[in-house]
Amino acid sequence: MAGFAAAHRSVNLIRQVARHGALRDQDSAFVGAVVESLANTTMDFMSRDPKHAEEVCMSTFEFLWKALR
């Protein structure tokens, strides 16, 4: 249940922020799919190269934050 609560808060944050960013005119399902795809890709690359996992994670977060804002 804790995982669901955390995911719910994250989804709400993404929706709020996305209202003002580059994806503001897109359907929320599309925005969710983009974020999910980016998260999956990030986790894949983090697991492939653990030495650079933190760098990949932080770079992806910065990219996503700028795209949503």
N, C-alpha and C. Protein backbone atom coordinates (compact mmCIF):
# COMPACT_ATOMS: atom_id res chain seq x y z
N MET A 1 0.81 -1.20 0.00
CA MET A 1 0.00 0.00 0.00
C MET A 1 0.86 1.26 0.00
N ALA A 2 2.01 1.21 0.67
CA ALA A 2 2.90 2.37 0.72
C ALA A 2 3.42 2.72 -0.67
N GLY A 3 3.70 1.70 -1.48
CA GLY A 3 4.16 1.94 -2.85
C GLY A 3 3.11 2.64 -3.68
N PHE A 4 1.86 2.24 -3.50
CA PHE A 4 0.76 2.89 -4.22
C PHE A 4 0.63 4.35 -3.81
N ALA A 5 0.75 4.63 -2.53
CA ALA A 5 0.64 6.01 -2.04
C ALA A 5 1.76 6.87 -2.61
N ALA A 6 2.96 6.33 -2.63
CA ALA A 6 4.09 7.08 -3.18
C ALA A 6 3.91 7.32 -4.67
N ALA A 7 3.45 6.30 -5.38
CA ALA A 7 3.23 6.45 -6.83
C ALA A 7 2.12 7.47 -7.09
N HIS A 8 1.08 7.43 -6.28
CA HIS A 8 -0.03 8.37 -6.45
C HIS A 8 0.45 9.81 -6.27
N ARG A 9 1.28 10.04 -5.26
CA ARG A 9 1.82 11.39 -5.04
C ARG A 9 2.69 11.82 -6.22
N SER A 10 3.48 10.90 -6.74
CA SER A 10 4.34 11.21 -7.89
C SER A 10 3.52 11.56 -9.12
N VAL A 11 2.49 10.78 -9.37
CA VAL A 11 1.63 11.03 -10.53
C VAL A 11 0.95 12.39 -10.40
N ASN A 12 0.47 12.71 -9.21
CA ASN A 12 -0.16 14.01 -9.01
C ASN A 12 0.82 15.15 -9.22
N LEU A 13 2.05 15.00 -8.74
CA LEU A 13 3.07 16.02 -8.94
C LEU A 13 3.35 16.20 -10.43
N ILE A 14 3.49 15.12 -11.15
CA ILE A 14 3.76 15.19 -12.59
C ILE A 14 2.62 15.91 -13.30
N ARG A 15 1.39 15.58 -12.94
CA ARG A 15 0.23 16.24 -13.56
C ARG A 15 0.23 17.74 -13.30
N GLN A 16 0.52 18.13 -12.06
CA GLN A 16 0.53 19.55 -11.71
C GLN A 16 1.60 20.31 -12.46
N VAL A 17 2.80 19.74 -12.48
CA VAL A 17 3.92 20.42 -13.14
C VAL A 17 3.73 20.44 -14.65
N ALA A 18 3.21 19.36 -15.21
CA ALA A 18 3.06 19.25 -16.66
C ALA A 18 2.06 20.25 -17.23
N ARG A 19 1.19 20.78 -16.40
CA ARG A 19 0.21 21.78 -16.88
C ARG A 19 0.87 23.04 -17.42
N HIS A 20 2.13 23.26 -17.07
CA HIS A 20 2.81 24.49 -17.45
C HIS A 20 3.98 24.27 -18.40
N GLY A 21 4.33 23.05 -18.67
CA GLY A 21 5.53 22.77 -19.45
C GLY A 21 5.26 22.47 -20.91
N ALA A 22 6.26 21.88 -21.53
CA ALA A 22 6.21 21.59 -22.96
C ALA A 22 5.10 20.61 -23.32
N LEU A 23 4.67 19.82 -22.36
CA LEU A 23 3.63 18.81 -22.63
C LEU A 23 2.25 19.27 -22.15
N ARG A 24 2.08 20.53 -21.85
CA ARG A 24 0.85 21.04 -21.25
C ARG A 24 -0.40 20.80 -22.09
N ASP A 25 -0.26 20.75 -23.40
CA ASP A 25 -1.43 20.57 -24.27
C ASP A 25 -1.69 19.10 -24.63
N GLN A 26 -0.91 18.21 -24.03
CA GLN A 26 -1.05 16.80 -24.34
C GLN A 26 -1.98 16.11 -23.35
N ASP A 27 -2.58 15.04 -23.79
CA ASP A 27 -3.43 14.23 -22.94
C ASP A 27 -2.62 13.67 -21.77
N SER A 28 -3.22 13.61 -20.60
CA SER A 28 -2.49 13.13 -19.43
C SER A 28 -2.01 11.68 -19.59
N ALA A 29 -2.74 10.88 -20.36
CA ALA A 29 -2.30 9.51 -20.62
C ALA A 29 -1.00 9.50 -21.42
N PHE A 30 -0.88 10.43 -22.36
CA PHE A 30 0.35 10.54 -23.14
C PHE A 30 1.51 10.96 -22.24
N VAL A 31 1.29 11.95 -21.40
CA VAL A 31 2.33 12.42 -20.48
C VAL A 31 2.76 11.27 -19.58
N GLY A 32 1.80 10.53 -19.06
CA GLY A 32 2.12 9.39 -18.22
C GLY A 32 2.94 8.34 -18.94
N ALA A 33 2.58 8.08 -20.19
CA ALA A 33 3.31 7.09 -20.99
C ALA A 33 4.74 7.56 -21.25
N VAL A 34 4.93 8.84 -21.51
CA VAL A 34 6.27 9.38 -21.74
C VAL A 34 7.11 9.23 -20.48
N VAL A 35 6.53 9.59 -19.33
CA VAL A 35 7.25 9.49 -18.07
C VAL A 35 7.57 8.03 -17.75
N GLU A 36 6.62 7.14 -17.96
CA GLU A 36 6.85 5.71 -17.70
C GLU A 36 7.95 5.16 -18.59
N SER A 37 7.92 5.53 -19.86
CA SER A 37 8.94 5.06 -20.80
C SER A 37 10.33 5.58 -20.40
N LEU A 38 10.38 6.83 -20.01
CA LEU A 38 11.64 7.42 -19.58
C LEU A 38 12.15 6.72 -18.32
N ALA A 39 11.25 6.43 -17.39
CA ALA A 39 11.64 5.74 -16.16
C ALA A 39 12.17 4.34 -16.47
N ASN A 40 11.49 3.63 -17.33
CA ASN A 40 11.94 2.28 -17.70
C ASN A 40 13.29 2.31 -18.38
N THR A 41 13.48 3.23 -19.29
CA THR A 41 14.76 3.36 -19.98
C THR A 41 15.88 3.71 -19.00
N THR A 42 15.57 4.62 -18.09
CA THR A 42 16.56 5.02 -17.09
C THR A 42 16.98 3.84 -16.22
N MET A 43 15.99 3.10 -15.73
CA MET A 43 16.30 1.95 -14.88
C MET A 43 17.10 0.89 -15.65
N ASP A 44 16.78 0.72 -16.92
CA ASP A 44 17.51 -0.24 -17.75
C ASP A 44 18.98 0.16 -17.85
N PHE A 45 19.24 1.42 -18.15
CA PHE A 45 20.62 1.88 -18.28
C PHE A 45 21.34 1.92 -16.94
N MET A 46 20.62 2.19 -15.87
CA MET A 46 21.24 2.17 -14.54
C MET A 46 21.69 0.75 -14.18
N SER A 47 20.88 -0.23 -14.52
CA SER A 47 21.24 -1.62 -14.20
C SER A 47 22.35 -2.13 -15.11
N ARG A 48 22.43 -1.62 -16.33
CA ARG A 48 23.50 -2.03 -17.25
C ARG A 48 24.85 -1.50 -16.83
N ASP A 49 24.84 -0.30 -16.23
CA ASP A 49 26.09 0.37 -15.89
C ASP A 49 26.00 0.95 -14.48
N PRO A 50 26.05 0.09 -13.46
CA PRO A 50 25.89 0.55 -12.08
C PRO A 50 26.88 1.64 -11.66
N LYS A 51 28.04 1.63 -12.29
CA LYS A 51 29.06 2.62 -11.96
C LYS A 51 28.57 4.04 -12.25
N HIS A 52 27.74 4.18 -13.26
CA HIS A 52 27.22 5.49 -13.66
C HIS A 52 25.73 5.65 -13.37
N ALA A 53 25.18 4.76 -12.56
CA ALA A 53 23.74 4.77 -12.30
C ALA A 53 23.25 6.08 -11.70
N GLU A 54 23.97 6.61 -10.73
CA GLU A 54 23.53 7.85 -10.10
C GLU A 54 23.56 9.01 -11.10
N GLU A 55 24.58 9.06 -11.92
CA GLU A 55 24.68 10.11 -12.94
C GLU A 55 23.53 10.02 -13.94
N VAL A 56 23.22 8.81 -14.37
CA VAL A 56 22.11 8.59 -15.30
C VAL A 56 20.79 9.02 -14.65
N CYS A 57 20.61 8.64 -13.41
CA CYS A 57 19.39 8.98 -12.69
C CYS A 57 19.22 10.49 -12.57
N MET A 58 20.26 11.16 -12.14
CA MET A 58 20.19 12.62 -11.96
C MET A 58 20.00 13.34 -13.29
N SER A 59 20.67 12.90 -14.33
CA SER A 59 20.53 13.51 -15.64
C SER A 59 19.11 13.35 -16.18
N THR A 60 18.55 12.17 -15.96
CA THR A 60 17.19 11.91 -16.40
C THR A 60 16.20 12.78 -15.64
N PHE A 61 16.39 12.90 -14.33
CA PHE A 61 15.50 13.74 -13.54
C PHE A 61 15.55 15.18 -14.03
N GLU A 62 16.75 15.69 -14.27
CA GLU A 62 16.91 17.06 -14.75
C GLU A 62 16.21 17.24 -16.10
N PHE A 63 16.39 16.28 -16.99
CA PHE A 63 15.74 16.32 -18.30
C PHE A 63 14.22 16.35 -18.15
N LEU A 64 13.70 15.44 -17.34
CA LEU A 64 12.25 15.35 -17.15
C LEU A 64 11.71 16.62 -16.52
N TRP A 65 12.37 17.13 -15.51
CA TRP A 65 11.91 18.33 -14.82
C TRP A 65 11.85 19.51 -15.80
N LYS A 66 12.86 19.66 -16.63
CA LYS A 66 12.87 20.75 -17.61
C LYS A 66 11.79 20.57 -18.66
N ALA A 67 11.54 19.34 -19.06
CA ALA A 67 10.50 19.08 -20.06
C ALA A 67 9.11 19.37 -19.51
N LEU A 68 8.91 19.06 -18.24
CA LEU A 68 7.60 19.27 -17.64
C LEU A 68 7.36 20.71 -17.25
N ARG A 69 8.39 21.44 -16.97
CA ARG A 69 8.25 22.83 -16.54
C ARG A 69 8.20 23.71 -17.73
